[in-house]
N, C-alpha and C. Protein backbone atom coordinates (compact mmCIF):
# COMPACT_ATOMS: atom_id res chain seq x y z
N MET A 1 -7.27 -123.42 249.92
CA MET A 1 -6.18 -124.05 249.27
C MET A 1 -5.22 -124.38 250.17
N PHE A 2 -4.27 -123.68 250.66
CA PHE A 2 -3.39 -124.09 251.82
C PHE A 2 -3.92 -124.11 253.25
N GLY A 3 -3.71 -125.11 253.87
CA GLY A 3 -3.93 -125.13 255.33
C GLY A 3 -3.03 -124.65 256.41
N ILE A 4 -3.42 -124.85 257.60
CA ILE A 4 -2.77 -124.12 258.69
C ILE A 4 -1.34 -124.80 258.83
N SER A 5 -1.67 -126.04 258.64
CA SER A 5 -0.36 -126.81 258.29
C SER A 5 0.56 -126.62 257.46
N SER A 6 0.38 -126.22 256.26
CA SER A 6 1.28 -125.94 254.91
C SER A 6 1.78 -124.60 255.56
N ILE A 7 1.05 -123.70 256.21
CA ILE A 7 1.54 -122.54 256.21
C ILE A 7 2.78 -122.76 257.70
N LEU A 8 2.22 -123.72 258.56
CA LEU A 8 3.25 -123.96 259.73
C LEU A 8 4.70 -124.18 259.02
N VAL A 9 4.25 -125.03 257.74
CA VAL A 9 5.79 -125.95 257.73
C VAL A 9 6.52 -124.71 256.90
N LEU A 10 6.03 -123.78 256.06
CA LEU A 10 6.67 -122.81 255.60
C LEU A 10 7.57 -122.26 256.33
N LEU A 11 6.82 -121.86 257.73
CA LEU A 11 6.99 -120.43 258.33
C LEU A 11 8.54 -121.49 259.17
N ILE A 12 8.52 -122.58 259.60
CA ILE A 12 9.58 -123.68 260.14
C ILE A 12 10.56 -123.59 259.36
N TRP A 13 10.10 -123.73 257.97
CA TRP A 13 11.37 -123.66 256.84
C TRP A 13 11.91 -122.34 256.65
N LEU A 14 11.27 -121.63 256.95
CA LEU A 14 11.97 -120.27 256.78
C LEU A 14 13.00 -119.66 258.02
N ILE A 15 12.76 -120.13 259.20
CA ILE A 15 13.33 -119.52 260.25
C ILE A 15 14.84 -119.84 259.99
N PRO A 16 15.40 -120.30 259.91
CA PRO A 16 17.06 -120.70 259.71
C PRO A 16 17.67 -119.32 258.49
N ILE A 17 16.74 -119.22 257.73
CA ILE A 17 17.12 -118.62 256.55
C ILE A 17 16.56 -117.01 257.47
N ILE A 18 16.03 -116.65 257.94
CA ILE A 18 15.81 -115.55 258.53
C ILE A 18 17.02 -115.34 259.68
N LEU A 19 17.36 -116.45 260.46
CA LEU A 19 18.39 -116.39 261.42
C LEU A 19 19.67 -115.74 260.82
N VAL A 20 20.12 -116.91 259.73
CA VAL A 20 21.31 -116.29 258.96
C VAL A 20 21.39 -115.06 258.28
N ALA A 21 20.32 -114.68 257.96
CA ALA A 21 20.17 -113.30 257.14
C ALA A 21 20.43 -112.18 258.18
N LYS A 22 19.89 -112.25 259.17
CA LYS A 22 20.04 -111.12 260.26
C LYS A 22 21.20 -111.58 261.11
N SER A 23 22.03 -112.19 260.92
CA SER A 23 23.08 -113.00 261.74
C SER A 23 24.22 -111.94 261.16
N ASN A 24 25.06 -111.63 262.32
CA ASN A 24 26.53 -110.75 262.08
C ASN A 24 27.70 -111.48 262.15
N ARG A 25 27.56 -112.79 262.21
CA ARG A 25 28.56 -113.98 262.09
C ARG A 25 29.18 -113.51 261.08
N THR A 26 28.76 -113.47 259.99
CA THR A 26 29.05 -113.56 258.39
C THR A 26 28.89 -112.49 258.02
N GLN A 27 29.29 -112.38 257.01
CA GLN A 27 29.57 -111.39 255.48
C GLN A 27 29.34 -111.43 254.32
N GLY A 28 28.94 -110.72 253.76
CA GLY A 28 28.87 -110.73 251.66
C GLY A 28 28.98 -112.22 251.32
N ASN A 29 29.95 -112.64 250.67
CA ASN A 29 29.54 -113.93 250.14
C ASN A 29 29.67 -115.09 250.67
N GLU A 30 30.23 -114.89 251.94
CA GLU A 30 29.90 -116.28 252.65
C GLU A 30 28.87 -116.30 253.58
N LYS A 31 27.84 -115.38 253.71
CA LYS A 31 26.73 -115.24 254.02
C LYS A 31 25.76 -115.61 253.05
N LEU A 32 25.85 -115.30 251.42
CA LEU A 32 25.02 -115.54 250.51
C LEU A 32 25.40 -117.28 250.31
N VAL A 33 26.71 -117.69 250.72
CA VAL A 33 26.82 -119.18 250.21
C VAL A 33 25.81 -120.10 251.18
N TRP A 34 25.77 -119.56 252.97
CA TRP A 34 25.37 -120.04 254.17
C TRP A 34 23.79 -120.15 253.63
N LEU A 35 23.04 -119.27 253.19
CA LEU A 35 21.92 -118.81 252.80
C LEU A 35 21.46 -119.92 251.64
N LEU A 36 22.14 -120.50 250.66
CA LEU A 36 21.96 -121.01 249.64
C LEU A 36 22.01 -122.40 250.34
N LEU A 37 23.09 -123.09 250.83
CA LEU A 37 23.01 -124.36 251.45
C LEU A 37 21.68 -124.40 252.41
N ILE A 38 21.40 -123.43 253.18
CA ILE A 38 20.07 -123.60 253.68
C ILE A 38 18.72 -123.72 252.89
N VAL A 39 18.61 -123.11 252.00
CA VAL A 39 17.99 -123.00 251.27
C VAL A 39 17.61 -124.66 250.50
N PHE A 40 19.04 -125.38 249.99
CA PHE A 40 18.94 -126.43 249.46
C PHE A 40 18.91 -127.88 250.26
N VAL A 41 19.79 -127.65 251.48
CA VAL A 41 20.02 -128.58 252.41
C VAL A 41 19.11 -128.41 253.56
N SER A 42 18.57 -127.34 253.75
CA SER A 42 17.87 -126.86 255.41
C SER A 42 18.49 -127.06 256.47
N TRP A 43 17.57 -127.32 257.34
CA TRP A 43 18.29 -127.30 258.65
C TRP A 43 19.53 -127.87 258.99
N PHE A 44 19.75 -129.19 257.91
CA PHE A 44 21.45 -129.35 258.67
C PHE A 44 22.46 -128.49 257.87
N ALA A 45 22.50 -127.55 257.29
CA ALA A 45 23.12 -126.48 256.75
C ALA A 45 22.96 -125.29 257.99
N TRP A 46 22.20 -125.21 258.22
CA TRP A 46 21.93 -124.13 259.36
C TRP A 46 22.70 -124.89 260.99
N VAL A 47 22.12 -125.92 261.30
CA VAL A 47 23.22 -126.33 262.32
C VAL A 47 24.57 -126.27 262.04
N PHE A 48 25.20 -126.71 260.50
CA PHE A 48 26.64 -126.28 260.38
C PHE A 48 27.03 -124.84 260.70
N TYR A 49 26.18 -123.92 260.25
CA TYR A 49 26.07 -122.67 260.55
C TYR A 49 26.61 -122.39 261.70
N VAL A 50 25.90 -122.57 262.85
CA VAL A 50 25.83 -122.40 264.14
C VAL A 50 27.13 -123.09 264.61
N LEU A 51 27.62 -124.00 264.08
CA LEU A 51 28.51 -124.84 264.69
C LEU A 51 29.88 -124.00 263.93
N LEU A 52 29.99 -123.83 262.66
CA LEU A 52 31.18 -123.45 262.00
C LEU A 52 31.14 -121.94 261.68
N ALA A 53 30.53 -121.00 261.58
CA ALA A 53 30.28 -119.62 260.78
C ALA A 53 31.28 -119.23 261.88
N PRO A 54 32.07 -118.14 261.87
CA PRO A 54 32.79 -117.72 260.56
C PRO A 54 33.82 -118.88 259.75
N LEU A 55 33.76 -118.95 258.76
CA LEU A 55 34.67 -119.88 258.15
C LEU A 55 36.09 -119.24 258.29
N LYS A 56 36.28 -118.23 258.40
CA LYS A 56 37.47 -117.11 258.16
C LYS A 56 36.96 -115.99 259.34
N LYS A 57 38.07 -116.09 260.06
CA LYS A 57 37.97 -114.77 260.92
C LYS A 57 38.15 -113.52 260.24
N ILE A 58 36.99 -112.38 260.73
CA ILE A 58 36.86 -111.08 260.18
C ILE A 58 37.66 -110.41 260.91
N PRO A 59 38.40 -109.18 260.22
CA PRO A 59 39.68 -108.39 260.92
C PRO A 59 38.88 -107.62 261.75
N THR A 60 39.02 -107.25 262.91
CA THR A 60 38.24 -106.00 263.88
C THR A 60 39.62 -105.05 263.64
N SER A 61 38.98 -103.83 264.11
CA SER A 61 39.11 -102.33 264.33
C SER A 61 39.62 -102.27 265.90
N GLU A 62 40.79 -102.00 265.98
CA GLU A 62 41.20 -101.87 267.36
C GLU A 62 41.23 -100.35 267.75
């Protein structure tokens, strides 16, 4: 039913979702928004994530 090419396409589609989910650049709702954008817009949203995230600076404890 599923060929090797279908599985390959699925894996390629999942790569940016996995990368953002494991990333420490964003947290909480911002990460959820990026993940939803990637699901619905795909690789273009991931490219913007790499270039723009985080949209809001995360305070650091010093």
